[in-house]
Amino acid sequence: MSTASPKELPLLQTSDWELDFYSRPIIETDGKKRWELLITSSENLTMAKPFRWEKRCPAGEVNSIWLSEALEEAIEDAKKEGWGIPLRLRCWRASMKTMITKAATKVGIEVIASRRTFSLLDWLAEREKDFYPKQEGYITGPIAPPPSPILNEPEPLPEAVRGDAWSFAWLPLGSLHEANEWPIEFSGLLPIKESYDLSIPIPGLRLFSKTRALALAGWLGGLEPVKLVIEGNQLLLEAGQDDRWLVTDMTNEASKEAKEVLIRSREKAGGIQFISVQSTPEEKVFKGFWMLKDIAGY
């Protein structure tokens, strides 16, 4: 019996996974809330179709053992669809972090506690609008309470992520469609809905460092950047699961202008933002470029 050589084997798609294991607004016939595991691959500008996987969990079996077995099942099903083992697994609910980490460790997957789960949150929003209300036993209300508002005081941006200079800028949304073709060392690109007006200005933060731009970009990616916000006259970066970093103080006029652009992006372009890292403003190569997303309540 002949076997395929390594060159003949199909290449598996690789991606990070985003996971949510939680109760849903549906009462089952036994009177208990439905528990459900949702997994999606992290989408980007070039991905044709994400891997999505779901499985219901009996309320009496909500534990790391059930979850680890479900993860193994998801990995096998993903392989059948041409996907490799996930590079990393992101989860955003702090209350489920311990259980998810324990289950993922059993199957050898690294877990990152992060709100950079934009594909998952979009899918949850779809299900809340179009799927759950049609299910028998549905109860009105959100899928589950969103994370508690982040109230911790912002800390100064780590020294390793401070450049020589910075600027708050914006790009027309249409230009981001080609971001996957730009020369970028570290990146985190997101899909863009075709329904958005391509002329909408997308706000972002540009960081510059002549001597250590690549190292800065590597550190910044490790922070798991989520979104930029303006509080008073301060520009903040929210990252990870509950981190808030003070980028800089701004003048009244500059902070007002930045806040207006951020609000417009949230209302007209799904909250898309960006952060870039370059050696100089004139440099055509990005050492880092991330698309962020300001999703209300997260």
Protein backbone atom coordinates (compact mmCIF):
# COMPACT_ATOMS: atom_id res chain seq x y z
CA MET A 1 0.00 0.00 0.00
CA SER A 2 1.55 3.31 -1.08
CA THR A 3 1.56 6.37 1.11
CA ALA A 4 1.71 10.00 0.12
CA SER A 5 5.07 11.71 0.41
CA PRO A 6 5.31 14.84 2.60
CA LYS A 7 5.26 17.02 -0.52
CA GLU A 8 1.98 15.44 -1.63
CA LEU A 9 0.19 15.90 1.71
CA PRO A 10 -2.24 18.83 1.76
CA LEU A 11 -1.11 21.88 3.73
CA LEU A 12 -3.28 22.52 6.75
CA GLN A 13 -4.49 26.02 7.51
CA THR A 14 -3.19 27.40 10.80
CA SER A 15 -4.77 30.00 13.02
CA ASP A 16 -5.33 30.97 16.61
CA TRP A 17 -8.65 29.89 18.11
CA GLU A 18 -11.10 31.95 20.14
CA LEU A 19 -13.27 30.12 22.68
CA ASP A 20 -16.34 30.81 24.78
CA PHE A 21 -17.68 28.20 27.23
CA TYR A 22 -20.69 29.63 29.02
CA SER A 23 -24.41 29.45 29.68
CA ARG A 24 -26.91 30.78 27.13
CA PRO A 25 -30.34 32.45 27.48
CA ILE A 26 -32.18 29.16 26.96
CA ILE A 27 -33.87 26.98 29.57
CA GLU A 28 -33.64 23.28 28.73
CA THR A 29 -36.41 20.75 29.42
CA ASP A 30 -34.74 19.83 32.74
CA GLY A 31 -35.19 23.43 33.91
CA LYS A 32 -31.49 24.27 33.71
CA LYS A 33 -29.74 26.82 31.52
CA ARG A 34 -28.11 25.61 28.35
CA TRP A 35 -24.32 25.49 28.41
CA GLU A 36 -22.51 25.74 25.13
CA LEU A 37 -18.96 25.65 23.82
CA LEU A 38 -18.22 27.88 20.85
CA ILE A 39 -14.89 27.86 19.00
CA THR A 40 -13.88 29.94 16.00
CA SER A 41 -10.60 30.51 14.24
CA SER A 42 -9.34 34.09 14.36
CA GLU A 43 -10.35 35.72 11.10
CA ASN A 44 -8.13 38.01 9.04
CA LEU A 45 -8.18 39.92 5.76
CA THR A 46 -7.30 36.89 3.63
CA MET A 47 -9.30 34.09 5.28
CA ALA A 48 -12.06 32.85 2.99
CA LYS A 49 -14.06 31.01 5.66
CA PRO A 50 -13.32 30.59 9.39
CA PHE A 51 -13.42 27.29 11.21
CA ARG A 52 -16.41 27.31 13.56
CA TRP A 53 -17.39 24.59 16.00
CA GLU A 54 -20.08 24.29 18.64
CA LYS A 55 -21.16 21.71 21.20
CA ARG A 56 -23.73 21.70 24.00
CA CYS A 57 -22.66 20.65 27.46
CA PRO A 58 -25.02 19.12 30.05
CA ALA A 59 -25.30 21.55 32.97
CA GLY A 60 -24.11 18.82 35.35
CA GLU A 61 -20.90 18.23 33.38
CA VAL A 62 -19.50 21.76 33.23
CA ASN A 63 -15.89 21.02 34.14
CA SER A 64 -12.39 20.85 32.68
CA ILE A 65 -12.69 17.11 31.93
CA TRP A 66 -15.68 17.60 29.61
CA LEU A 67 -14.01 20.64 28.06
CA SER A 68 -10.69 18.91 27.35
CA GLU A 69 -12.52 16.03 25.65
CA ALA A 70 -14.52 18.53 23.60
CA LEU A 71 -11.31 20.30 22.56
CA GLU A 72 -9.86 17.02 21.34
CA GLU A 73 -13.04 16.42 19.34
CA ALA A 74 -12.85 19.94 17.87
CA ILE A 75 -9.23 19.41 16.84
CA GLU A 76 -10.16 16.20 15.00
CA ASP A 77 -13.09 17.86 13.24
CA ALA A 78 -10.87 20.80 12.30
CA LYS A 79 -8.37 18.46 10.65
CA LYS A 80 -11.17 17.02 8.51
CA GLU A 81 -11.84 20.55 7.26
CA GLY A 82 -8.19 21.23 6.49
CA TRP A 83 -7.17 23.00 9.70
CA GLY A 84 -4.13 22.28 11.83
CA ILE A 85 -3.90 22.35 15.61
CA PRO A 86 -4.47 25.94 16.80
CA LEU A 87 -1.38 28.00 17.53
CA ARG A 88 -2.98 29.57 20.63
CA LEU A 89 -6.38 29.75 22.25
CA ARG A 90 -7.85 33.05 23.45
CA CYS A 91 -10.60 33.35 26.03
CA TRP A 92 -12.10 36.60 27.29
CA ARG A 93 -14.27 35.63 30.28
CA ALA A 94 -12.21 36.00 33.47
CA SER A 95 -14.59 33.71 35.38
CA MET A 96 -13.83 30.79 33.03
CA LYS A 97 -10.08 31.29 32.67
CA THR A 98 -9.00 28.65 35.21
CA MET A 99 -11.22 25.91 33.79
CA ILE A 100 -10.29 26.68 30.19
CA THR A 101 -6.57 26.80 30.97
CA LYS A 102 -6.72 23.46 32.77
CA ALA A 103 -8.58 21.82 29.88
CA ALA A 104 -6.36 23.30 27.17
CA THR A 105 -3.18 22.29 29.00
CA LYS A 106 -4.32 18.66 28.83
CA VAL A 107 -4.39 18.85 25.02
CA GLY A 108 -1.21 20.93 24.72
CA ILE A 109 -2.65 24.28 23.65
CA GLU A 110 -1.41 27.59 25.03
CA VAL A 111 -4.16 29.80 26.49
CA ILE A 112 -4.11 33.59 26.37
CA ALA A 113 -6.55 35.57 28.50
CA SER A 114 -7.45 38.35 26.10
CA ARG A 115 -10.33 40.44 24.80
CA ARG A 116 -8.75 40.29 21.37
CA THR A 117 -11.45 37.78 20.40
CA PHE A 118 -13.16 39.86 17.74
CA SER A 119 -14.27 36.95 15.53
CA LEU A 120 -15.88 35.24 18.53
CA LEU A 121 -17.69 38.38 19.69
CA ASP A 122 -19.07 38.96 16.18
CA TRP A 123 -20.33 35.37 16.10
CA LEU A 124 -21.91 35.69 19.55
CA ALA A 125 -23.68 38.87 18.43
CA GLU A 126 -25.05 37.03 15.38
CA ARG A 127 -26.33 34.16 17.51
CA GLU A 128 -27.90 36.51 20.04
CA LYS A 129 -29.78 38.26 17.25
CA ASP A 130 -30.70 35.45 14.87
CA PHE A 131 -30.28 32.04 16.55
CA TYR A 132 -31.09 32.00 20.27
CA PRO A 133 -34.44 33.85 20.01
CA LYS A 134 -35.72 31.06 17.73
CA GLN A 135 -34.84 28.29 20.20
CA GLU A 136 -37.43 26.66 22.42
CA GLY A 137 -36.94 27.80 26.01
CA TYR A 138 -35.43 31.15 25.02
CA ILE A 139 -35.53 33.82 27.70
CA THR A 140 -35.15 37.48 26.84
CA GLY A 141 -31.93 39.23 27.70
CA PRO A 142 -28.30 39.23 26.56
CA ILE A 143 -26.35 36.03 25.99
CA ALA A 144 -24.56 36.53 29.28
CA PRO A 145 -23.47 39.52 31.31
CA PRO A 146 -20.52 41.22 29.63
CA PRO A 147 -17.29 41.49 31.56
CA SER A 148 -17.35 44.02 34.40
CA PRO A 149 -16.28 47.47 33.24
CA ILE A 150 -12.54 47.95 33.49
CA LEU A 151 -12.14 50.39 36.37
CA ASN A 152 -8.49 49.84 37.27
CA GLU A 153 -6.25 52.87 36.97
CA PRO A 154 -4.14 52.99 33.79
CA GLU A 155 -0.44 52.36 34.20
CA PRO A 156 2.31 54.07 32.19
CA LEU A 157 3.09 52.24 28.98
CA PRO A 158 5.96 49.81 29.64
CA GLU A 159 9.41 51.18 28.81
CA ALA A 160 9.88 48.44 26.20
CA VAL A 161 6.87 49.75 24.26
CA ARG A 162 7.77 53.43 24.30
CA GLY A 163 9.17 54.75 21.06
CA ASP A 164 11.10 57.89 20.22
CA ALA A 165 7.93 59.61 19.05
CA TRP A 166 4.26 58.98 18.36
CA SER A 167 1.36 60.51 16.48
CA PHE A 168 -2.40 60.03 16.50
CA ALA A 169 -3.49 59.65 12.89
CA TRP A 170 -6.18 58.19 10.66
CA LEU A 171 -6.39 56.33 7.39
CA PRO A 172 -9.32 55.91 5.00
CA LEU A 173 -10.93 52.53 5.59
CA GLY A 174 -10.37 51.58 1.95
CA SER A 175 -6.60 51.63 2.38
CA LEU A 176 -6.77 48.88 5.02
CA HIS A 177 -8.17 46.45 2.45
CA GLU A 178 -4.63 46.12 1.09
CA ALA A 179 -2.90 45.80 4.47
CA ASN A 180 -2.17 42.10 3.92
CA GLU A 181 0.08 43.16 1.00
CA TRP A 182 2.10 45.65 3.04
CA PRO A 183 5.57 44.69 4.30
CA ILE A 184 4.82 43.96 7.98
CA GLU A 185 6.97 42.04 10.50
CA PHE A 186 4.38 41.58 13.30
CA SER A 187 0.70 41.92 12.45
CA GLY A 188 -2.87 41.36 13.52
CA LEU A 189 -5.24 42.11 10.64
CA LEU A 190 -9.02 41.84 10.74
CA PRO A 191 -11.72 41.32 8.10
CA ILE A 192 -13.59 44.40 6.87
CA LYS A 193 -17.29 44.29 6.01
CA GLU A 194 -18.04 45.24 2.43
CA SER A 195 -21.00 47.34 3.56
CA TYR A 196 -18.78 49.94 5.25
CA ASP A 197 -18.09 53.27 3.57
CA LEU A 198 -14.46 53.02 2.44
CA SER A 199 -13.92 56.75 2.91
CA ILE A 200 -14.54 56.64 6.67
CA PRO A 201 -11.40 57.74 8.58
CA ILE A 202 -9.99 54.94 10.73
CA PRO A 203 -8.17 56.31 13.80
CA GLY A 204 -4.91 54.92 15.05
CA LEU A 205 -1.67 55.34 16.92
CA ARG A 206 1.68 55.48 15.11
CA LEU A 207 4.81 54.66 17.13
CA PHE A 208 8.34 55.37 15.91
CA SER A 209 11.73 54.10 17.05
CA LYS A 210 14.90 54.46 14.98
CA THR A 211 16.94 51.82 16.79
CA ARG A 212 14.50 49.30 18.29
CA ALA A 213 11.31 49.38 16.24
CA LEU A 214 11.28 45.59 15.71
CA ALA A 215 11.74 44.84 19.42
CA LEU A 216 9.05 47.39 20.27
CA ALA A 217 6.64 45.72 17.85
CA GLY A 218 7.33 42.32 19.40
CA TRP A 219 6.59 43.63 22.88
CA LEU A 220 3.45 45.43 21.72
CA GLY A 221 2.04 42.28 20.15
CA GLY A 222 2.58 40.49 23.44
CA LEU A 223 0.37 43.04 25.20
CA GLU A 224 -2.62 41.85 23.11
CA PRO A 225 -3.81 45.33 22.02
CA VAL A 226 -7.60 45.66 22.00
CA LYS A 227 -8.63 49.29 21.56
CA LEU A 228 -7.69 52.95 21.97
CA VAL A 229 -9.83 55.19 24.16
CA ILE A 230 -9.80 58.81 25.27
CA GLU A 231 -10.46 59.57 28.93
CA GLY A 232 -10.32 63.23 29.77
CA ASN A 233 -7.21 64.40 27.96
CA GLN A 234 -5.44 61.05 28.10
CA LEU A 235 -4.95 58.55 25.30
CA LEU A 236 -5.20 55.01 26.69
CA LEU A 237 -4.56 51.59 25.21
CA GLU A 238 -6.74 48.77 26.53
CA ALA A 239 -5.12 45.37 26.12
CA GLY A 240 -5.18 41.77 27.26
CA GLN A 241 -8.05 40.84 29.54
CA ASP A 242 -8.15 43.90 31.80
CA ASP A 243 -4.98 45.94 31.20
CA ARG A 244 -5.08 49.68 30.60
CA TRP A 245 -1.98 51.57 29.54
CA LEU A 246 -1.46 55.33 29.50
CA VAL A 247 0.01 56.26 26.13
CA THR A 248 0.18 60.02 26.55
CA ASP A 249 -1.51 63.19 27.73
CA MET A 250 -3.10 65.32 25.00
CA THR A 251 -4.22 68.92 24.69
CA ASN A 252 -7.92 69.71 25.00
CA GLU A 253 -8.21 70.31 21.27
CA ALA A 254 -6.29 67.18 20.26
CA SER A 255 -8.20 64.91 22.66
CA LYS A 256 -11.54 66.28 21.48
CA GLU A 257 -10.65 65.71 17.83
CA ALA A 258 -9.35 62.19 18.54
CA LYS A 259 -12.48 61.28 20.49
CA GLU A 260 -14.72 62.40 17.63
CA VAL A 261 -12.86 60.20 15.14
CA LEU A 262 -12.96 57.22 17.51
CA ILE A 263 -16.71 57.64 17.98
CA ARG A 264 -17.32 57.91 14.25
CA SER A 265 -15.37 54.71 13.63
CA ARG A 266 -17.43 52.91 16.28
CA GLU A 267 -20.70 54.11 14.74
CA LYS A 268 -19.83 53.72 11.04
CA ALA A 269 -17.06 51.12 10.76
CA GLY A 270 -17.59 48.60 13.55
CA GLY A 271 -15.09 50.35 15.82
CA ILE A 272 -12.05 49.50 13.70
CA GLN A 273 -8.79 51.19 14.78
CA PHE A 274 -5.07 50.54 14.25
CA ILE A 275 -1.62 50.72 15.81
CA SER A 276 1.53 50.82 13.69
CA VAL A 277 5.24 50.65 14.51
CA GLN A 278 7.85 52.09 12.13
CA SER A 279 11.46 53.22 12.34
CA THR A 280 10.55 56.69 11.08
CA PRO A 281 7.40 58.37 9.66
CA GLU A 282 8.91 58.07 6.18
CA GLU A 283 9.75 54.36 6.48
CA LYS A 284 7.66 52.22 4.12
CA VAL A 285 8.11 48.99 6.08
CA PHE A 286 5.97 48.34 9.15
CA LYS A 287 7.72 46.57 12.01
CA GLY A 288 4.23 46.07 13.44
CA PHE A 289 0.66 46.75 12.39
CA TRP A 290 -2.47 45.72 14.29
CA MET A 291 -6.09 46.41 13.57
CA LEU A 292 -8.07 46.93 16.78
CA LYS A 293 -11.80 47.02 17.48
CA ASP A 294 -13.89 49.07 19.91
CA ILE A 295 -16.89 46.88 20.74
CA ALA A 296 -19.35 48.41 23.19
CA GLY A 297 -19.39 46.62 26.54
CA TYR A 298 -16.14 44.70 25.99
